[in-house]
């Protein structure tokens, strides 16, 4: 059963055939129902072989996924926060979309090197010498 297309951003959409959902017994909320019904969702997305993502986004996504990514580049997200299968399914899809959005964000601008001002250097050195004087006065008192 192919799922619906997952729209991540205006330029990124994951086709339903790229997502694989498996329903498993969850340990989350559900009371006695948790032992009878498979409400937890395991969402799998083959990020390494996805035609929907650019190479930069794929690399960033696999790096951000951490332990959720397998050696083959498949991202596995498990959701069992809710009592119903449908809400867990939506939760897993939203968490995957958030992860892809973070990976697709542009990298931060490079850091500009700065130097402390002359006044800041002088204040730091003055504070050091004052502290040094305080510590010198702690020595033994001569009579």
C-alpha atoms as a PDB file:
ATOM      1  CA  UNK A   1       0.000   0.000   0.000  1.00  0.00           C
ATOM      2  CA  UNK A   2       1.835   3.143  -1.163  1.00  0.00           C
ATOM      3  CA  UNK A   3       1.293   6.079   1.141  1.00  0.00           C
ATOM      4  CA  UNK A   4       0.538   9.670   0.207  1.00  0.00           C
ATOM      5  CA  UNK A   5       3.178  12.088  -1.014  1.00  0.00           C
ATOM      6  CA  UNK A   6       5.021  13.824   1.835  1.00  0.00           C
ATOM      7  CA  UNK A   7       5.389  17.553   1.118  1.00  0.00           C
ATOM      8  CA  UNK A   8       8.416  18.849   3.020  1.00  0.00           C
ATOM      9  CA  UNK A   9       8.995  22.282   1.486  1.00  0.00           C
ATOM     10  CA  UNK A  10       7.773  24.044  -1.638  1.00  0.00           C
ATOM     11  CA  UNK A  11      10.646  22.486  -3.589  1.00  0.00           C
ATOM     12  CA  UNK A  12      10.952  19.086  -1.846  1.00  0.00           C
ATOM     13  CA  UNK A  13       8.290  16.389  -1.994  1.00  0.00           C
ATOM     14  CA  UNK A  14       8.859  12.732  -1.125  1.00  0.00           C
ATOM     15  CA  UNK A  15       6.813  10.344  -3.272  1.00  0.00           C
ATOM     16  CA  UNK A  16       4.666   7.792  -1.473  1.00  0.00           C
ATOM     17  CA  UNK A  17       6.535   4.825  -2.990  1.00  0.00           C
ATOM     18  CA  UNK A  18       9.780   6.000  -1.306  1.00  0.00           C
ATOM     19  CA  UNK A  19       8.280   5.593   2.182  1.00  0.00           C
ATOM     20  CA  UNK A  20       7.731   2.194   3.786  1.00  0.00           C
ATOM     21  CA  UNK A  21       5.547   1.896   6.867  1.00  0.00           C
ATOM     22  CA  UNK A  22       5.450  -1.086   9.156  1.00  0.00           C
ATOM     23  CA  UNK A  23       3.085  -1.324  12.109  1.00  0.00           C
ATOM     24  CA  UNK A  24       4.440  -2.976  15.237  1.00  0.00           C
ATOM     25  CA  UNK A  25       3.391  -3.480  18.847  1.00  0.00           C
ATOM     26  CA  UNK A  26       4.334  -0.370  20.766  1.00  0.00           C
ATOM     27  CA  UNK A  27       5.195   0.205  24.392  1.00  0.00           C
ATOM     28  CA  UNK A  28       3.554   3.620  24.528  1.00  0.00           C
ATOM     29  CA  UNK A  29       0.110   4.611  25.825  1.00  0.00           C
ATOM     30  CA  UNK A  30      -2.886   2.462  25.031  1.00  0.00           C
ATOM     31  CA  UNK A  31      -3.832   0.513  28.148  1.00  0.00           C
ATOM     32  CA  UNK A  32      -4.760  -3.123  27.534  1.00  0.00           C
ATOM     33  CA  UNK A  33      -5.207  -2.282  23.861  1.00  0.00           C
ATOM     34  CA  UNK A  34      -1.424  -1.946  23.468  1.00  0.00           C
ATOM     35  CA  UNK A  35      -1.024  -5.739  23.706  1.00  0.00           C
ATOM     36  CA  UNK A  36      -3.639  -6.484  21.042  1.00  0.00           C
ATOM     37  CA  UNK A  37      -3.221  -3.853  18.336  1.00  0.00           C
ATOM     38  CA  UNK A  38      -0.079  -2.838  16.446  1.00  0.00           C
ATOM     39  CA  UNK A  39      -0.282   0.926  16.929  1.00  0.00           C
ATOM     40  CA  UNK A  40       3.403   1.867  16.751  1.00  0.00           C
ATOM     41  CA  UNK A  41       4.792   2.847  13.332  1.00  0.00           C
ATOM     42  CA  UNK A  42       8.209   2.183  11.862  1.00  0.00           C
ATOM     43  CA  UNK A  43       8.736   4.562   8.939  1.00  0.00           C
ATOM     44  CA  UNK A  44      11.613   3.766   6.561  1.00  0.00           C
ATOM     45  CA  UNK A  45      13.020   6.175   3.983  1.00  0.00           C
ATOM     46  CA  UNK A  46      15.930   5.256   1.703  1.00  0.00           C
ATOM     47  CA  UNK A  47      17.640   8.649   1.745  1.00  0.00           C
ATOM     48  CA  UNK A  48      20.825   7.501   0.004  1.00  0.00           C
ATOM     49  CA  UNK A  49      18.948   6.387  -3.135  1.00  0.00           C
ATOM     50  CA  UNK A  50      16.146   8.962  -3.135  1.00  0.00           C
ATOM     51  CA  UNK A  51      15.650  10.855  -6.422  1.00  0.00           C
ATOM     52  CA  UNK A  52      13.746  13.583  -4.545  1.00  0.00           C
ATOM     53  CA  UNK A  53      16.781  14.996  -2.708  1.00  0.00           C
ATOM     54  CA  UNK A  54      19.935  16.733  -3.905  1.00  0.00           C
ATOM     55  CA  UNK A  55      23.357  15.382  -2.997  1.00  0.00           C
ATOM     56  CA  UNK A  56      23.963  18.169  -0.432  1.00  0.00           C
ATOM     57  CA  UNK A  57      20.643  17.512   1.294  1.00  0.00           C
ATOM     58  CA  UNK A  58      21.266  13.736   1.310  1.00  0.00           C
ATOM     59  CA  UNK A  59      24.674  14.160   2.948  1.00  0.00           C
ATOM     60  CA  UNK A  60      23.337  16.603   5.532  1.00  0.00           C
ATOM     61  CA  UNK A  61      20.292  14.411   6.215  1.00  0.00           C
ATOM     62  CA  UNK A  62      22.336  11.268   6.844  1.00  0.00           C
ATOM     63  CA  UNK A  63      24.671  13.231   9.111  1.00  0.00           C
ATOM     64  CA  UNK A  64      21.763  14.698  11.118  1.00  0.00           C
ATOM     65  CA  UNK A  65      19.929  11.355  11.339  1.00  0.00           C
ATOM     66  CA  UNK A  66      22.718   9.855  13.447  1.00  0.00           C
ATOM     67  CA  UNK A  67      21.679   6.507  14.920  1.00  0.00           C
ATOM     68  CA  UNK A  68      18.370   6.582  13.055  1.00  0.00           C
ATOM     69  CA  UNK A  69      20.245   5.968   9.789  1.00  0.00           C
ATOM     70  CA  UNK A  70      21.475   2.502   8.836  1.00  0.00           C
ATOM     71  CA  UNK A  71      24.768   1.772   7.072  1.00  0.00           C
ATOM     72  CA  UNK A  72      22.870   1.528   3.767  1.00  0.00           C
ATOM     73  CA  UNK A  73      21.500   5.067   4.129  1.00  0.00           C
ATOM     74  CA  UNK A  74      17.978   4.096   5.198  1.00  0.00           C
ATOM     75  CA  UNK A  75      16.434   6.347   7.836  1.00  0.00           C
ATOM     76  CA  UNK A  76      14.203   4.530  10.333  1.00  0.00           C
ATOM     77  CA  UNK A  77      11.814   6.553  12.499  1.00  0.00           C
ATOM     78  CA  UNK A  78       9.729   4.834  15.159  1.00  0.00           C
ATOM     79  CA  UNK A  79       6.639   6.551  16.537  1.00  0.00           C
ATOM     80  CA  UNK A  80       4.625   5.229  19.475  1.00  0.00           C
ATOM     81  CA  UNK A  81       3.694   8.409  21.352  1.00  0.00           C
ATOM     82  CA  UNK A  82      -0.027   8.176  20.651  1.00  0.00           C
ATOM     83  CA  UNK A  83      -2.755   5.615  21.211  1.00  0.00           C
ATOM     84  CA  UNK A  84      -3.902   5.319  17.602  1.00  0.00           C
ATOM     85  CA  UNK A  85      -2.113   3.988  14.577  1.00  0.00           C
ATOM     86  CA  UNK A  86      -3.140   6.967  12.442  1.00  0.00           C
ATOM     87  CA  UNK A  87      -1.748   9.589  14.856  1.00  0.00           C
ATOM     88  CA  UNK A  88       1.511   7.655  15.202  1.00  0.00           C
ATOM     89  CA  UNK A  89       1.721   7.500  11.405  1.00  0.00           C
ATOM     90  CA  UNK A  90       1.254  11.279  11.133  1.00  0.00           C
ATOM     91  CA  UNK A  91       3.813  11.819  13.912  1.00  0.00           C
ATOM     92  CA  UNK A  92       6.454   9.700  12.142  1.00  0.00           C
ATOM     93  CA  UNK A  93       5.873  11.473   8.812  1.00  0.00           C
ATOM     94  CA  UNK A  94       6.083  14.903  10.465  1.00  0.00           C
ATOM     95  CA  UNK A  95       9.306  13.981  12.272  1.00  0.00           C
ATOM     96  CA  UNK A  96      10.841  12.843   8.967  1.00  0.00           C
ATOM     97  CA  UNK A  97       9.717  16.074   7.292  1.00  0.00           C
ATOM     98  CA  UNK A  98      11.285  18.139  10.111  1.00  0.00           C
ATOM     99  CA  UNK A  99      14.555  16.242   9.750  1.00  0.00           C
ATOM    100  CA  UNK A 100      14.615  16.858   5.991  1.00  0.00           C
ATOM    101  CA  UNK A 101      13.752  20.561   6.505  1.00  0.00           C
ATOM    102  CA  UNK A 102      16.703  20.942   8.884  1.00  0.00           C
ATOM    103  CA  UNK A 103      19.005  19.207   6.392  1.00  0.00           C
ATOM    104  CA  UNK A 104      17.774  21.393   3.519  1.00  0.00           C
ATOM    105  CA  UNK A 105      18.353  24.647   5.404  1.00  0.00           C
ATOM    106  CA  UNK A 106      21.271  26.659   4.026  1.00  0.00           C
ATOM    107  CA  UNK A 107      24.525  26.402   5.958  1.00  0.00           C
ATOM    108  CA  UNK A 108      25.280  29.256   8.375  1.00  0.00           C
ATOM    109  CA  UNK A 109      27.533  32.044   7.085  1.00  0.00           C
ATOM    110  CA  UNK A 110      31.236  31.605   7.843  1.00  0.00           C
ATOM    111  CA  UNK A 111      32.511  33.160  11.055  1.00  0.00           C
ATOM    112  CA  UNK A 112      34.337  36.467  10.761  1.00  0.00           C
ATOM    113  CA  UNK A 113      37.550  36.673  12.759  1.00  0.00           C
ATOM    114  CA  UNK A 114      37.576  39.593  15.190  1.00  0.00           C
ATOM    115  CA  UNK A 115      40.204  41.066  17.491  1.00  0.00           C
ATOM    116  CA  UNK A 116      39.622  42.585  20.923  1.00  0.00           C
ATOM    117  CA  UNK A 117      39.885  46.379  21.080  1.00  0.00           C
ATOM    118  CA  UNK A 118      42.886  48.078  22.663  1.00  0.00           C
ATOM    119  CA  UNK A 119      40.734  49.215  25.597  1.00  0.00           C
ATOM    120  CA  UNK A 120      39.528  45.643  26.218  1.00  0.00           C
ATOM    121  CA  UNK A 121      43.127  44.374  26.248  1.00  0.00           C
ATOM    122  CA  UNK A 122      44.196  47.103  28.694  1.00  0.00           C
ATOM    123  CA  UNK A 123      41.236  46.391  31.023  1.00  0.00           C
ATOM    124  CA  UNK A 124      42.049  42.675  31.014  1.00  0.00           C
ATOM    125  CA  UNK A 125      45.720  43.279  31.835  1.00  0.00           C
ATOM    126  CA  UNK A 126      44.826  45.775  34.573  1.00  0.00           C
ATOM    127  CA  UNK A 127      42.409  43.282  36.166  1.00  0.00           C
ATOM    128  CA  UNK A 128      45.114  40.595  36.036  1.00  0.00           C
ATOM    129  CA  UNK A 129      47.684  42.809  37.741  1.00  0.00           C
ATOM    130  CA  UNK A 130      45.192  43.814  40.457  1.00  0.00           C
ATOM    131  CA  UNK A 131      44.383  40.162  41.089  1.00  0.00           C
ATOM    132  CA  UNK A 132      48.098  39.386  41.225  1.00  0.00           C
ATOM    133  CA  UNK A 133      48.585  42.117  43.841  1.00  0.00           C
ATOM    134  CA  UNK A 134      45.776  40.676  45.981  1.00  0.00           C
ATOM    135  CA  UNK A 135      47.381  37.243  45.910  1.00  0.00           C
ATOM    136  CA  UNK A 136      50.864  38.636  46.757  1.00  0.00           C
ATOM    137  CA  UNK A 137      49.415  40.299  49.865  1.00  0.00           C
ATOM    138  CA  UNK A 138      48.224  36.891  51.171  1.00  0.00           C
ATOM    139  CA  UNK A 139      51.754  35.787  51.998  1.00  0.00           C
ATOM    140  CA  UNK A 140      53.382  35.485  55.401  1.00  0.00           C
ATOM    141  CA  UNK A 141      53.593  38.705  57.431  1.00  0.00           C
ATOM    142  CA  UNK A 142      57.107  39.745  58.479  1.00  0.00           C
ATOM    143  CA  UNK A 143      57.523  41.534  61.829  1.00  0.00           C
END
